[in-house]
Every structure is written in C-alpha cells, then in structure tokens.
Amino acid sequence: MAIDTRATPLLPNHERTIPVPLRRRPGGQLEELFETPIFTAGILADGTTIGDAALLTRLINRRSNMLAAVETALEMLVDAGRHNAPGSAN
C-alpha cells in the first residue's frame, strides 16, 4: 500500500524510523535486504512539508486521488439511495 492509513501524524520535532529487514547467510554476517533510501518526503502534522520535491508531489497526488475516489464513492451511494424504491411492508 502506498499510504499507511494506520499511521498517526508525525508531530513537530519528532522522528519516525522504518527498520530495514536483515538476513544472515549461513556462516556470514548480517546484511540489509534493501538499500537505505536516499530521498524521502513527508507531510508533518502542522501541514508543513519536508523532503524531495518530486516525491512530495507524488505523495500529494496520491492523497488527492484517494480523497477524490472516496468522494466519488459517497456521491454514488447517495445517488443510488435516492433512486431506491421504498420497501414494501409484508
């Protein structure tokens, strides 16, 4: 998932780290499974933004598209509710 919906907003002057999975090969040392990211972007709790401009633009576009999809779904449900015939009593 591109956006973690369970994540809480990051407060000013706080950090959040994401652990990188490690593996140990038989007879070898621990090694990281993924390269450490070079660029990051984020939207802070107070609305300010940080990080790489291109990644930040993509993050904002994804959030905007997700909100548009939710609004469209709600509009469709409301419209469908208006067209339903009232239930008949048995």
PDB file of N, CA and C in Angstrom:
ATOM      1  N   MET A   1       0.836  -1.161   0.000  1.00  0.00           N
ATOM      2  CA  MET A   1       0.000   0.000   0.000  1.00  0.00           C
ATOM      3  C   MET A   1       0.889   1.236   0.000  1.00  0.00           C
ATOM      4  N   ALA A   2       0.534   2.211  -0.801  1.00  0.00           N
ATOM      5  CA  ALA A   2       1.355   3.406  -0.917  1.00  0.00           C
ATOM      6  C   ALA A   2       1.255   4.303   0.304  1.00  0.00           C
ATOM      7  N   ILE A   3       0.104   4.303   0.934  1.00  0.00           N
ATOM      8  CA  ILE A   3      -0.099   5.150   2.102  1.00  0.00           C
ATOM      9  C   ILE A   3      -0.567   4.282   3.255  1.00  0.00           C
ATOM     10  N   ASP A   4       0.121   4.374   4.386  1.00  0.00           N
ATOM     11  CA  ASP A   4      -0.256   3.610   5.571  1.00  0.00           C
ATOM     12  C   ASP A   4      -1.372   4.349   6.280  1.00  0.00           C
ATOM     13  N   THR A   5      -2.593   3.824   6.195  1.00  0.00           N
ATOM     14  CA  THR A   5      -3.745   4.506   6.781  1.00  0.00           C
ATOM     15  C   THR A   5      -3.777   4.369   8.297  1.00  0.00           C
ATOM     16  N   ARG A   6      -2.985   3.461   8.865  1.00  0.00           N
ATOM     17  CA  ARG A   6      -2.942   3.295  10.309  1.00  0.00           C
ATOM     18  C   ARG A   6      -1.934   4.233  10.965  1.00  0.00           C
ATOM     19  N   ALA A   7      -1.104   4.875  10.187  1.00  0.00           N
ATOM     20  CA  ALA A   7      -0.053   5.734  10.730  1.00  0.00           C
ATOM     21  C   ALA A   7      -0.667   6.993  11.337  1.00  0.00           C
ATOM     22  N   THR A   8      -0.133   7.395  12.464  1.00  0.00           N
ATOM     23  CA  THR A   8      -0.571   8.631  13.103  1.00  0.00           C
ATOM     24  C   THR A   8       0.285   9.776  12.587  1.00  0.00           C
ATOM     25  N   PRO A   9      -0.244  11.004  12.604  1.00  0.00           N
ATOM     26  CA  PRO A   9       0.557  12.145  12.127  1.00  0.00           C
ATOM     27  C   PRO A   9       1.844  12.293  12.931  1.00  0.00           C
ATOM     28  N   LEU A  10       2.874  12.697  12.270  1.00  0.00           N
ATOM     29  CA  LEU A  10       4.169  12.913  12.910  1.00  0.00           C
ATOM     30  C   LEU A  10       4.181  14.314  13.493  1.00  0.00           C
ATOM     31  N   LEU A  11       4.375  14.405  14.792  1.00  0.00           N
ATOM     32  CA  LEU A  11       4.363  15.692  15.474  1.00  0.00           C
ATOM     33  C   LEU A  11       5.652  16.456  15.194  1.00  0.00           C
ATOM     34  N   PRO A  12       5.606  17.798  15.290  1.00  0.00           N
ATOM     35  CA  PRO A  12       6.827  18.581  15.081  1.00  0.00           C
ATOM     36  C   PRO A  12       7.926  18.142  16.059  1.00  0.00           C
ATOM     37  N   ASN A  13       9.141  18.156  15.588  1.00  0.00           N
ATOM     38  CA  ASN A  13      10.335  17.797  16.365  1.00  0.00           C
ATOM     39  C   ASN A  13      10.362  16.334  16.795  1.00  0.00           C
ATOM     40  N   HIS A  14       9.637  15.465  16.114  1.00  0.00           N
ATOM     41  CA  HIS A  14       9.673  14.032  16.375  1.00  0.00           C
ATOM     42  C   HIS A  14      10.168  13.319  15.124  1.00  0.00           C
ATOM     43  N   GLU A  15      10.657  12.108  15.308  1.00  0.00           N
ATOM     44  CA  GLU A  15      11.147  11.312  14.191  1.00  0.00           C
ATOM     45  C   GLU A  15      10.435   9.978  14.165  1.00  0.00           C
ATOM     46  N   ARG A  16      10.330   9.395  12.986  1.00  0.00           N
ATOM     47  CA  ARG A  16       9.831   8.026  12.844  1.00  0.00           C
ATOM     48  C   ARG A  16      10.827   7.291  11.965  1.00  0.00           C
ATOM     49  N   THR A  17      11.275   6.163  12.424  1.00  0.00           N
ATOM     50  CA  THR A  17      12.213   5.367  11.636  1.00  0.00           C
ATOM     51  C   THR A  17      11.532   4.094  11.169  1.00  0.00           C
ATOM     52  N   ILE A  18      11.970   3.609  10.055  1.00  0.00           N
ATOM     53  CA  ILE A  18      11.450   2.371   9.497  1.00  0.00           C
ATOM     54  C   ILE A  18      12.594   1.375   9.498  1.00  0.00           C
ATOM     55  N   PRO A  19      12.437   0.288  10.252  1.00  0.00           N
ATOM     56  CA  PRO A  19      13.534  -0.683  10.306  1.00  0.00           C
ATOM     57  C   PRO A  19      13.719  -1.378   8.961  1.00  0.00           C
ATOM     58  N   VAL A  20      14.964  -1.601   8.619  1.00  0.00           N
ATOM     59  CA  VAL A  20      15.294  -2.306   7.379  1.00  0.00           C
ATOM     60  C   VAL A  20      15.501  -3.773   7.721  1.00  0.00           C
ATOM     61  N   PRO A  21      14.769  -4.672   7.061  1.00  0.00           N
ATOM     62  CA  PRO A  21      14.942  -6.106   7.370  1.00  0.00           C
ATOM     63  C   PRO A  21      16.378  -6.567   7.116  1.00  0.00           C
ATOM     64  N   LEU A  22      16.830  -7.461   7.972  1.00  0.00           N
ATOM     65  CA  LEU A  22      18.184  -8.002   7.868  1.00  0.00           C
ATOM     66  C   LEU A  22      18.099  -9.510   7.635  1.00  0.00           C
ATOM     67  N   ARG A  23      19.151 -10.059   7.105  1.00  0.00           N
ATOM     68  CA  ARG A  23      19.240 -11.511   6.974  1.00  0.00           C
ATOM     69  C   ARG A  23      20.677 -11.930   7.277  1.00  0.00           C
ATOM     70  N   ARG A  24      20.791 -13.164   7.676  1.00  0.00           N
ATOM     71  CA  ARG A  24      22.115 -13.722   7.939  1.00  0.00           C
ATOM     72  C   ARG A  24      22.259 -14.964   7.072  1.00  0.00           C
ATOM     73  N   ARG A  25      23.253 -14.945   6.228  1.00  0.00           N
ATOM     74  CA  ARG A  25      23.552 -16.130   5.420  1.00  0.00           C
ATOM     75  C   ARG A  25      24.368 -17.091   6.267  1.00  0.00           C
ATOM     76  N   PRO A  26      24.220 -18.384   6.023  1.00  0.00           N
ATOM     77  CA  PRO A  26      24.987 -19.361   6.818  1.00  0.00           C
ATOM     78  C   PRO A  26      26.484 -19.030   6.784  1.00  0.00           C
ATOM     79  N   GLY A  27      27.052 -18.880   7.968  1.00  0.00           N
ATOM     80  CA  GLY A  27      28.478 -18.595   8.076  1.00  0.00           C
ATOM     81  C   GLY A  27      28.848 -17.173   7.710  1.00  0.00           C
ATOM     82  N   GLY A  28      27.850 -16.303   7.485  1.00  0.00           N
ATOM     83  CA  GLY A  28      28.135 -14.927   7.076  1.00  0.00           C
ATOM     84  C   GLY A  28      27.673 -13.905   8.098  1.00  0.00           C
ATOM     85  N   GLN A  29      27.834 -12.669   7.742  1.00  0.00           N
ATOM     86  CA  GLN A  29      27.436 -11.571   8.615  1.00  0.00           C
ATOM     87  C   GLN A  29      26.016 -11.129   8.273  1.00  0.00           C
ATOM     88  N   LEU A  30      25.440 -10.330   9.179  1.00  0.00           N
ATOM     89  CA  LEU A  30      24.134  -9.736   8.906  1.00  0.00           C
ATOM     90  C   LEU A  30      24.260  -8.770   7.738  1.00  0.00           C
ATOM     91  N   GLU A  31      23.258  -8.770   6.874  1.00  0.00           N
ATOM     92  CA  GLU A  31      23.250  -7.816   5.773  1.00  0.00           C
ATOM     93  C   GLU A  31      21.831  -7.304   5.571  1.00  0.00           C
ATOM     94  N   GLU A  32      21.725  -6.069   5.122  1.00  0.00           N
ATOM     95  CA  GLU A  32      20.418  -5.472   4.875  1.00  0.00           C
ATOM     96  C   GLU A  32      19.829  -6.046   3.594  1.00  0.00           C
ATOM     97  N   LEU A  33      18.505  -6.281   3.598  1.00  0.00           N
ATOM     98  CA  LEU A  33      17.848  -6.813   2.420  1.00  0.00           C
ATOM     99  C   LEU A  33      17.571  -5.730   1.379  1.00  0.00           C
ATOM    100  N   PHE A  34      17.456  -4.495   1.826  1.00  0.00           N
ATOM    101  CA  PHE A  34      17.175  -3.387   0.917  1.00  0.00           C
ATOM    102  C   PHE A  34      18.204  -2.288   1.132  1.00  0.00           C
ATOM    103  N   GLU A  35      18.425  -1.511   0.103  1.00  0.00           N
ATOM    104  CA  GLU A  35      19.300  -0.351   0.265  1.00  0.00           C
ATOM    105  C   GLU A  35      18.574   0.711   1.078  1.00  0.00           C
ATOM    106  N   THR A  36      19.306   1.462   1.850  1.00  0.00           N
ATOM    107  CA  THR A  36      18.723   2.563   2.606  1.00  0.00           C
ATOM    108  C   THR A  36      18.246   3.622   1.621  1.00  0.00           C
ATOM    109  N   PRO A  37      17.000   4.116   1.781  1.00  0.00           N
ATOM    110  CA  PRO A  37      16.513   5.120   0.842  1.00  0.00           C
ATOM    111  C   PRO A  37      17.370   6.385   0.877  1.00  0.00           C
ATOM    112  N   ILE A  38      17.564   6.970  -0.290  1.00  0.00           N
ATOM    113  CA  ILE A  38      18.361   8.189  -0.385  1.00  0.00           C
ATOM    114  C   ILE A  38      17.470   9.413  -0.223  1.00  0.00           C
ATOM    115  N   PHE A  39      16.296   9.374  -0.844  1.00  0.00           N
ATOM    116  CA  PHE A  39      15.388  10.507  -0.797  1.00  0.00           C
ATOM    117  C   PHE A  39      14.137  10.133  -0.022  1.00  0.00           C
ATOM    118  N   THR A  40      13.622  11.076   0.742  1.00  0.00           N
ATOM    119  CA  THR A  40      12.376  10.881   1.472  1.00  0.00           C
ATOM    120  C   THR A  40      11.538  12.139   1.353  1.00  0.00           C
ATOM    121  N   ALA A  41      10.270  12.016   1.683  1.00  0.00           N
ATOM    122  CA  ALA A  41       9.369  13.163   1.683  1.00  0.00           C
ATOM    123  C   ALA A  41       8.303  12.911   2.733  1.00  0.00           C
ATOM    124  N   GLY A  42       7.750  13.969   3.262  1.00  0.00           N
ATOM    125  CA  GLY A  42       6.706  13.805   4.259  1.00  0.00           C
ATOM    126  C   GLY A  42       5.890  15.069   4.437  1.00  0.00           C
ATOM    127  N   ILE A  43       4.703  14.866   4.997  1.00  0.00           N
ATOM    128  CA  ILE A  43       3.819  15.970   5.355  1.00  0.00           C
ATOM    129  C   ILE A  43       3.674  15.910   6.866  1.00  0.00           C
ATOM    130  N   LEU A  44       4.097  16.956   7.547  1.00  0.00           N
ATOM    131  CA  LEU A  44       4.078  16.973   9.009  1.00  0.00           C
ATOM    132  C   LEU A  44       2.688  17.312   9.528  1.00  0.00           C
ATOM    133  N   ALA A  45       2.472  17.064  10.837  1.00  0.00           N
ATOM    134  CA  ALA A  45       1.169  17.268  11.463  1.00  0.00           C
ATOM    135  C   ALA A  45       0.686  18.718  11.332  1.00  0.00           C
ATOM    136  N   ASP A  46       1.612  19.674  11.309  1.00  0.00           N
ATOM    137  CA  ASP A  46       1.201  21.075  11.204  1.00  0.00           C
ATOM    138  C   ASP A  46       0.997  21.524   9.758  1.00  0.00           C
ATOM    139  N   GLY A  47       1.102  20.591   8.798  1.00  0.00           N
ATOM    140  CA  GLY A  47       0.855  20.905   7.394  1.00  0.00           C
ATOM    141  C   GLY A  47       2.097  21.261   6.600  1.00  0.00           C
ATOM    142  N   THR A  48       3.230  21.440   7.259  1.00  0.00           N
ATOM    143  CA  THR A  48       4.454  21.732   6.522  1.00  0.00           C
ATOM    144  C   THR A  48       4.955  20.459   5.853  1.00  0.00           C
ATOM    145  N   THR A  49       5.749  20.641   4.819  1.00  0.00           N
ATOM    146  CA  THR A  49       6.259  19.510   4.062  1.00  0.00           C
ATOM    147  C   THR A  49       7.780  19.488   4.130  1.00  0.00           C
ATOM    148  N   ILE A  50       8.339  18.297   4.003  1.00  0.00           N
ATOM    149  CA  ILE A  50       9.795  18.140   4.005  1.00  0.00           C
ATOM    150  C   ILE A  50      10.175  17.141   2.934  1.00  0.00           C
ATOM    151  N   GLY A  51      11.403  17.205   2.487  1.00  0.00           N
ATOM    152  CA  GLY A  51      11.938  16.175   1.620  1.00  0.00           C
ATOM    153  C   GLY A  51      12.027  16.544   0.161  1.00  0.00           C
ATOM    154  N   ASP A  52      12.258  15.519  -0.637  1.00  0.00           N
ATOM    155  CA  ASP A  52      12.450  15.641  -2.074  1.00  0.00           C
ATOM    156  C   ASP A  52      11.172  16.151  -2.740  1.00  0.00           C
ATOM    157  N   ALA A  53      11.285  17.183  -3.551  1.00  0.00           N
ATOM    158  CA  ALA A  53      10.122  17.824  -4.175  1.00  0.00           C
ATOM    159  C   ALA A  53       9.353  16.875  -5.092  1.00  0.00           C
ATOM    160  N   ALA A  54      10.050  16.063  -5.867  1.00  0.00           N
ATOM    161  CA  ALA A  54       9.370  15.144  -6.783  1.00  0.00           C
ATOM    162  C   ALA A  54       8.585  14.086  -6.013  1.00  0.00           C
ATOM    163  N   LEU A  55       9.181  13.538  -4.946  1.00  0.00           N
ATOM    164  CA  LEU A  55       8.482  12.553  -4.134  1.00  0.00           C
ATOM    165  C   LEU A  55       7.303  13.179  -3.391  1.00  0.00           C
ATOM    166  N   LEU A  56       7.483  14.403  -2.939  1.00  0.00           N
ATOM    167  CA  LEU A  56       6.417  15.106  -2.243  1.00  0.00           C
ATOM    168  C   LEU A  56       5.233  15.350  -3.180  1.00  0.00           C
ATOM    169  N   THR A  57       5.515  15.722  -4.419  1.00  0.00           N
ATOM    170  CA  THR A  57       4.451  15.919  -5.403  1.00  0.00           C
ATOM    171  C   THR A  57       3.686  14.623  -5.633  1.00  0.00           C
ATOM    172  N   ARG A  58       4.392  13.511  -5.741  1.00  0.00           N
ATOM    173  CA  ARG A  58       3.734  12.213  -5.932  1.00  0.00           C
ATOM    174  C   ARG A  58       2.888  11.845  -4.719  1.00  0.00           C
ATOM    175  N   LEU A  59       3.397  12.114  -3.515  1.00  0.00           N
ATOM    176  CA  LEU A  59       2.667  11.817  -2.292  1.00  0.00           C
ATOM    177  C   LEU A  59       1.371  12.623  -2.236  1.00  0.00           C
ATOM    178  N   ILE A  60       1.445  13.902  -2.539  1.00  0.00           N
ATOM    179  CA  ILE A  60       0.259  14.759  -2.518  1.00  0.00           C
ATOM    180  C   ILE A  60      -0.733  14.326  -3.592  1.00  0.00           C
ATOM    181  N   ASN A  61      -0.251  13.966  -4.765  1.00  0.00           N
ATOM    182  CA  ASN A  61      -1.156  13.496  -5.827  1.00  0.00           C
ATOM    183  C   ASN A  61      -1.860  12.205  -5.429  1.00  0.00           C
ATOM    184  N   ARG A  62      -1.142  11.276  -4.805  1.00  0.00           N
ATOM    185  CA  ARG A  62      -1.773  10.024  -4.351  1.00  0.00           C
ATOM    186  C   ARG A  62      -2.863  10.305  -3.328  1.00  0.00           C
ATOM    187  N   ARG A  63      -2.576  11.184  -2.379  1.00  0.00           N
ATOM    188  CA  ARG A  63      -3.580  11.526  -1.361  1.00  0.00           C
ATOM    189  C   ARG A  63      -4.781  12.205  -1.999  1.00  0.00           C
ATOM    190  N   SER A  64      -4.528  13.087  -2.935  1.00  0.00           N
ATOM    191  CA  SER A  64      -5.615  13.779  -3.626  1.00  0.00           C
ATOM    192  C   SER A  64      -6.485  12.784  -4.395  1.00  0.00           C
ATOM    193  N   ASN A  65      -5.861  11.852  -5.098  1.00  0.00           N
ATOM    194  CA  ASN A  65      -6.611  10.841  -5.845  1.00  0.00           C
ATOM    195  C   ASN A  65      -7.416   9.942  -4.915  1.00  0.00           C
ATOM    196  N   MET A  66      -6.850   9.605  -3.765  1.00  0.00           N
ATOM    197  CA  MET A  66      -7.566   8.766  -2.817  1.00  0.00           C
ATOM    198  C   MET A  66      -8.795   9.501  -2.280  1.00  0.00           C
ATOM    199  N   LEU A  67      -8.650  10.767  -1.940  1.00  0.00           N
ATOM    200  CA  LEU A  67      -9.789  11.547  -1.452  1.00  0.00           C
ATOM    201  C   LEU A  67     -10.852  11.711  -2.533  1.00  0.00           C
ATOM    202  N   ALA A  68     -10.436  11.917  -3.775  1.00  0.00           N
ATOM    203  CA  ALA A  68     -11.394  12.035  -4.877  1.00  0.00           C
ATOM    204  C   ALA A  68     -12.162  10.732  -5.060  1.00  0.00           C
ATOM    205  N   ALA A  69     -11.494   9.602  -4.915  1.00  0.00           N
ATOM    206  CA  ALA A  69     -12.164   8.308  -5.053  1.00  0.00           C
ATOM    207  C   ALA A  69     -13.192   8.105  -3.942  1.00  0.00           C
ATOM    208  N   VAL A  70     -12.854   8.501  -2.726  1.00  0.00           N
ATOM    209  CA  VAL A  70     -13.795   8.382  -1.611  1.00  0.00           C
ATOM    210  C   VAL A  70     -15.000   9.282  -1.841  1.00  0.00           C
ATOM    211  N   GLU A  71     -14.768  10.517  -2.258  1.00  0.00           N
ATOM    212  CA  GLU A  71     -15.874  11.442  -2.523  1.00  0.00           C
ATOM    213  C   GLU A  71     -16.772  10.920  -3.637  1.00  0.00           C
ATOM    214  N   THR A  72     -16.200  10.366  -4.684  1.00  0.00           N
ATOM    215  CA  THR A  72     -16.985   9.809  -5.793  1.00  0.00           C
ATOM    216  C   THR A  72     -17.829   8.631  -5.309  1.00  0.00           C
ATOM    217  N   ALA A  73     -17.250   7.763  -4.513  1.00  0.00           N
ATOM    218  CA  ALA A  73     -17.988   6.616  -3.990  1.00  0.00           C
ATOM    219  C   ALA A  73     -19.157   7.071  -3.121  1.00  0.00           C
ATOM    220  N   LEU A  74     -18.922   8.071  -2.273  1.00  0.00           N
ATOM    221  CA  LEU A  74     -20.001   8.588  -1.426  1.00  0.00           C
ATOM    222  C   LEU A  74     -21.122   9.198  -2.262  1.00  0.00           C
ATOM    223  N   GLU A  75     -20.762   9.965  -3.284  1.00  0.00           N
ATOM    224  CA  GLU A  75     -21.769  10.558  -4.164  1.00  0.00           C
ATOM    225  C   GLU A  75     -22.590   9.479  -4.862  1.00  0.00           C
ATOM    226  N   MET A  76     -21.934   8.418  -5.308  1.00  0.00           N
ATOM    227  CA  MET A  76     -22.640   7.326  -5.982  1.00  0.00           C
ATOM    228  C   MET A  76     -23.604   6.626  -5.019  1.00  0.00           C
ATOM    229  N   LEU A  77     -23.179   6.417  -3.775  1.00  0.00           N
ATOM    230  CA  LEU A  77     -24.046   5.771  -2.798  1.00  0.00           C
ATOM    231  C   LEU A  77     -25.255   6.646  -2.459  1.00  0.00           C
ATOM    232  N   VAL A  78     -25.027   7.931  -2.299  1.00  0.00           N
ATOM    233  CA  VAL A  78     -26.138   8.847  -2.009  1.00  0.00           C
ATOM    234  C   VAL A  78     -27.104   8.876  -3.183  1.00  0.00           C
ATOM    235  N   ASP A  79     -26.587   8.939  -4.395  1.00  0.00           N
ATOM    236  CA  ASP A  79     -27.440   8.960  -5.586  1.00  0.00           C
ATOM    237  C   ASP A  79     -28.216   7.652  -5.720  1.00  0.00           C
ATOM    238  N   ALA A  80     -27.563   6.537  -5.444  1.00  0.00           N
ATOM    239  CA  ALA A  80     -28.255   5.246  -5.516  1.00  0.00           C
ATOM    240  C   ALA A  80     -29.365   5.179  -4.475  1.00  0.00           C
ATOM    241  N   GLY A  81     -29.130   5.740  -3.292  1.00  0.00           N
ATOM    242  CA  GLY A  81     -30.148   5.761  -2.249  1.00  0.00           C
ATOM    243  C   GLY A  81     -31.360   6.575  -2.640  1.00  0.00           C
ATOM    244  N   ARG A  82     -31.155   7.629  -3.420  1.00  0.00           N
ATOM    245  CA  ARG A  82     -32.273   8.476  -3.874  1.00  0.00           C
ATOM    246  C   ARG A  82     -33.145   7.746  -4.890  1.00  0.00           C
ATOM    247  N   HIS A  83     -32.566   6.811  -5.634  1.00  0.00           N
ATOM    248  CA  HIS A  83     -33.301   6.112  -6.677  1.00  0.00           C
ATOM    249  C   HIS A  83     -33.971   4.828  -6.191  1.00  0.00           C
ATOM    250  N   ASN A  84     -33.673   4.421  -4.964  1.00  0.00           N
ATOM    251  CA  ASN A  84     -34.290   3.187  -4.447  1.00  0.00           C
ATOM    252  C   ASN A  84     -35.757   3.414  -4.160  1.00  0.00           C
ATOM    253  N   ALA A  85     -36.556   2.438  -4.506  1.00  0.00           N
ATOM    254  CA  ALA A  85     -37.984   2.500  -4.193  1.00  0.00           C
ATOM    255  C   ALA A  85     -38.150   2.169  -2.720  1.00  0.00           C
ATOM    256  N   PRO A  86     -39.110   2.790  -2.047  1.00  0.00           N
ATOM    257  CA  PRO A  86     -39.319   2.470  -0.629  1.00  0.00           C
ATOM    258  C   PRO A  86     -39.689   0.989  -0.493  1.00  0.00           C
ATOM    259  N   GLY A  87     -39.236   0.384   0.584  1.00  0.00           N
ATOM    260  CA  GLY A  87     -39.511  -1.037   0.821  1.00  0.00           C
ATOM    261  C   GLY A  87     -40.992  -1.275   1.053  1.00  0.00           C
ATOM    262  N   SER A  88     -41.478  -2.421   0.646  1.00  0.00           N
ATOM    263  CA  SER A  88     -42.890  -2.739   0.854  1.00  0.00           C
ATOM    264  C   SER A  88     -43.038  -3.516   2.148  1.00  0.00           C
ATOM    265  N   ALA A  89     -44.108  -3.267   2.865  1.00  0.00           N
ATOM    266  CA  ALA A  89     -44.375  -3.974   4.115  1.00  0.00           C
ATOM    267  C   ALA A  89     -44.997  -5.314   3.820  1.00  0.00           C
ATOM    268  N   ASN A  90     -44.576  -6.346   4.529  1.00  0.00           N
ATOM    269  CA  ASN A  90     -45.151  -7.678   4.323  1.00  0.00           C
ATOM    270  C   ASN A  90     -46.252  -7.940   5.297  1.00  0.00           C
TER     271      ASN A  90
END
